[in-house]
């Protein structure tokens, strides 16, 4: 867990050092993605973010969720969308 938290910290530091237009500037840049089995994908930065990175993130997030649930951790939808509680209509939350 400490290693994962360290990697998250490193990623946040890199993102924090980027200028406001840095990510958009890479949208049209060519990306070559080579998988360990030799398959090679050629795409732009935008295509990589949209079609590869986002799908990989979602897959691993859902897989981690399933593993944690399997091991008895009490997780649910509210754990993934806590920001939605900012829109909660007062008095509409069911009592437990």
C-alpha atoms as a PDB file:
ATOM      1  CA  UNK A   1       0.000   0.000   0.000  1.00  0.00           C
ATOM      2  CA  UNK A   2       2.857   2.363   0.782  1.00  0.00           C
ATOM      3  CA  UNK A   3       4.310   1.793  -2.685  1.00  0.00           C
ATOM      4  CA  UNK A   4       0.937   2.535  -4.297  1.00  0.00           C
ATOM      5  CA  UNK A   5       0.560   5.725  -2.253  1.00  0.00           C
ATOM      6  CA  UNK A   6       4.076   6.741  -3.279  1.00  0.00           C
ATOM      7  CA  UNK A   7       3.249   6.271  -6.949  1.00  0.00           C
ATOM      8  CA  UNK A   8       0.076   8.306  -6.572  1.00  0.00           C
ATOM      9  CA  UNK A   9       2.093  11.059  -4.901  1.00  0.00           C
ATOM     10  CA  UNK A  10       4.629  11.035  -7.735  1.00  0.00           C
ATOM     11  CA  UNK A  11       1.880  11.230 -10.363  1.00  0.00           C
ATOM     12  CA  UNK A  12       0.192  14.113  -8.560  1.00  0.00           C
ATOM     13  CA  UNK A  13       3.520  15.959  -8.357  1.00  0.00           C
ATOM     14  CA  UNK A  14       4.091  15.575 -12.107  1.00  0.00           C
ATOM     15  CA  UNK A  15       0.560  16.752 -12.877  1.00  0.00           C
ATOM     16  CA  UNK A  16       0.942  19.664 -10.463  1.00  0.00           C
ATOM     17  CA  UNK A  17       4.023  20.865 -12.340  1.00  0.00           C
ATOM     18  CA  UNK A  18       2.242  20.960 -15.709  1.00  0.00           C
ATOM     19  CA  UNK A  19       1.060  24.219 -17.168  1.00  0.00           C
ATOM     20  CA  UNK A  20      -2.650  24.760 -17.924  1.00  0.00           C
ATOM     21  CA  UNK A  21      -2.324  23.822 -21.617  1.00  0.00           C
ATOM     22  CA  UNK A  22       0.205  20.978 -21.286  1.00  0.00           C
ATOM     23  CA  UNK A  23      -2.255  18.094 -21.600  1.00  0.00           C
ATOM     24  CA  UNK A  24      -4.095  19.654 -24.527  1.00  0.00           C
ATOM     25  CA  UNK A  25      -0.771  20.224 -26.287  1.00  0.00           C
ATOM     26  CA  UNK A  26      -0.164  16.473 -26.367  1.00  0.00           C
ATOM     27  CA  UNK A  27      -3.568  15.577 -27.823  1.00  0.00           C
ATOM     28  CA  UNK A  28      -2.308  15.395 -31.385  1.00  0.00           C
ATOM     29  CA  UNK A  29       1.109  13.931 -30.613  1.00  0.00           C
ATOM     30  CA  UNK A  30       1.772  10.450 -31.967  1.00  0.00           C
ATOM     31  CA  UNK A  31       1.850   7.665 -29.387  1.00  0.00           C
ATOM     32  CA  UNK A  32       3.206   4.170 -29.936  1.00  0.00           C
ATOM     33  CA  UNK A  33       2.001   1.590 -27.434  1.00  0.00           C
ATOM     34  CA  UNK A  34       3.829  -1.739 -27.528  1.00  0.00           C
ATOM     35  CA  UNK A  35       2.394  -4.568 -25.455  1.00  0.00           C
ATOM     36  CA  UNK A  36       4.583  -7.325 -23.971  1.00  0.00           C
ATOM     37  CA  UNK A  37       3.228  -9.819 -26.537  1.00  0.00           C
ATOM     38  CA  UNK A  38       4.505  -7.675 -29.424  1.00  0.00           C
ATOM     39  CA  UNK A  39       1.238  -6.050 -30.474  1.00  0.00           C
ATOM     40  CA  UNK A  40       1.835  -2.411 -31.412  1.00  0.00           C
ATOM     41  CA  UNK A  41      -0.777   0.349 -31.468  1.00  0.00           C
ATOM     42  CA  UNK A  42      -0.225   3.717 -33.161  1.00  0.00           C
ATOM     43  CA  UNK A  43      -2.514   6.539 -32.049  1.00  0.00           C
ATOM     44  CA  UNK A  44      -2.586  10.171 -30.980  1.00  0.00           C
ATOM     45  CA  UNK A  45      -2.351  11.377 -27.404  1.00  0.00           C
ATOM     46  CA  UNK A  46      -6.089  12.036 -27.377  1.00  0.00           C
ATOM     47  CA  UNK A  47      -6.868   8.559 -28.682  1.00  0.00           C
ATOM     48  CA  UNK A  48      -4.514   7.029 -26.109  1.00  0.00           C
ATOM     49  CA  UNK A  49      -6.212   8.876 -23.234  1.00  0.00           C
ATOM     50  CA  UNK A  50      -9.740   8.180 -24.466  1.00  0.00           C
ATOM     51  CA  UNK A  51      -9.465   4.668 -25.886  1.00  0.00           C
ATOM     52  CA  UNK A  52      -6.656   3.050 -23.872  1.00  0.00           C
ATOM     53  CA  UNK A  53      -5.849   4.796 -20.598  1.00  0.00           C
ATOM     54  CA  UNK A  54      -9.435   5.442 -19.535  1.00  0.00           C
ATOM     55  CA  UNK A  55     -10.472   1.854 -20.243  1.00  0.00           C
ATOM     56  CA  UNK A  56      -7.424   0.493 -18.379  1.00  0.00           C
ATOM     57  CA  UNK A  57      -8.178   2.697 -15.379  1.00  0.00           C
ATOM     58  CA  UNK A  58     -11.824   1.596 -15.272  1.00  0.00           C
ATOM     59  CA  UNK A  59     -10.914  -2.082 -15.660  1.00  0.00           C
ATOM     60  CA  UNK A  60      -8.431  -1.991 -12.774  1.00  0.00           C
ATOM     61  CA  UNK A  61     -10.742   0.065 -10.571  1.00  0.00           C
ATOM     62  CA  UNK A  62     -13.606  -2.383 -11.071  1.00  0.00           C
ATOM     63  CA  UNK A  63     -11.307  -5.370 -10.567  1.00  0.00           C
ATOM     64  CA  UNK A  64     -10.003  -3.919  -7.293  1.00  0.00           C
ATOM     65  CA  UNK A  65     -13.600  -3.262  -6.216  1.00  0.00           C
ATOM     66  CA  UNK A  66     -14.566  -6.888  -6.932  1.00  0.00           C
ATOM     67  CA  UNK A  67     -11.557  -8.263  -5.056  1.00  0.00           C
ATOM     68  CA  UNK A  68     -12.240  -6.069  -2.023  1.00  0.00           C
ATOM     69  CA  UNK A  69     -15.942  -6.995  -2.000  1.00  0.00           C
ATOM     70  CA  UNK A  70     -15.016 -10.673  -2.296  1.00  0.00           C
ATOM     71  CA  UNK A  71     -12.881 -10.292   0.824  1.00  0.00           C
ATOM     72  CA  UNK A  72     -15.740  -8.755   2.796  1.00  0.00           C
ATOM     73  CA  UNK A  73     -14.961  -5.048   2.504  1.00  0.00           C
ATOM     74  CA  UNK A  74     -18.208  -3.054   2.642  1.00  0.00           C
ATOM     75  CA  UNK A  75     -18.056  -0.965  -0.544  1.00  0.00           C
ATOM     76  CA  UNK A  76     -20.864   0.385  -2.663  1.00  0.00           C
ATOM     77  CA  UNK A  77     -21.699   2.968  -5.307  1.00  0.00           C
ATOM     78  CA  UNK A  78     -21.541   5.805  -2.793  1.00  0.00           C
ATOM     79  CA  UNK A  79     -17.832   5.053  -2.301  1.00  0.00           C
ATOM     80  CA  UNK A  80     -17.201   5.858  -5.973  1.00  0.00           C
ATOM     81  CA  UNK A  81     -19.337   8.968  -6.265  1.00  0.00           C
ATOM     82  CA  UNK A  82     -19.079  10.789  -2.929  1.00  0.00           C
ATOM     83  CA  UNK A  83     -19.016  14.085  -4.840  1.00  0.00           C
ATOM     84  CA  UNK A  84     -22.681  13.498  -5.710  1.00  0.00           C
ATOM     85  CA  UNK A  85     -23.700  14.190  -2.120  1.00  0.00           C
ATOM     86  CA  UNK A  86     -23.112  17.877  -2.862  1.00  0.00           C
ATOM     87  CA  UNK A  87     -26.288  17.671  -5.001  1.00  0.00           C
ATOM     88  CA  UNK A  88     -28.353  15.701  -2.495  1.00  0.00           C
ATOM     89  CA  UNK A  89     -31.778  17.189  -1.900  1.00  0.00           C
ATOM     90  CA  UNK A  90     -32.182  17.866   1.823  1.00  0.00           C
ATOM     91  CA  UNK A  91     -34.424  15.315   3.500  1.00  0.00           C
ATOM     92  CA  UNK A  92     -34.220  12.769   0.669  1.00  0.00           C
ATOM     93  CA  UNK A  93     -31.588  10.473   2.213  1.00  0.00           C
ATOM     94  CA  UNK A  94     -33.239   7.258   3.468  1.00  0.00           C
ATOM     95  CA  UNK A  95     -32.864   6.477   7.161  1.00  0.00           C
ATOM     96  CA  UNK A  96     -31.046   3.235   7.984  1.00  0.00           C
END
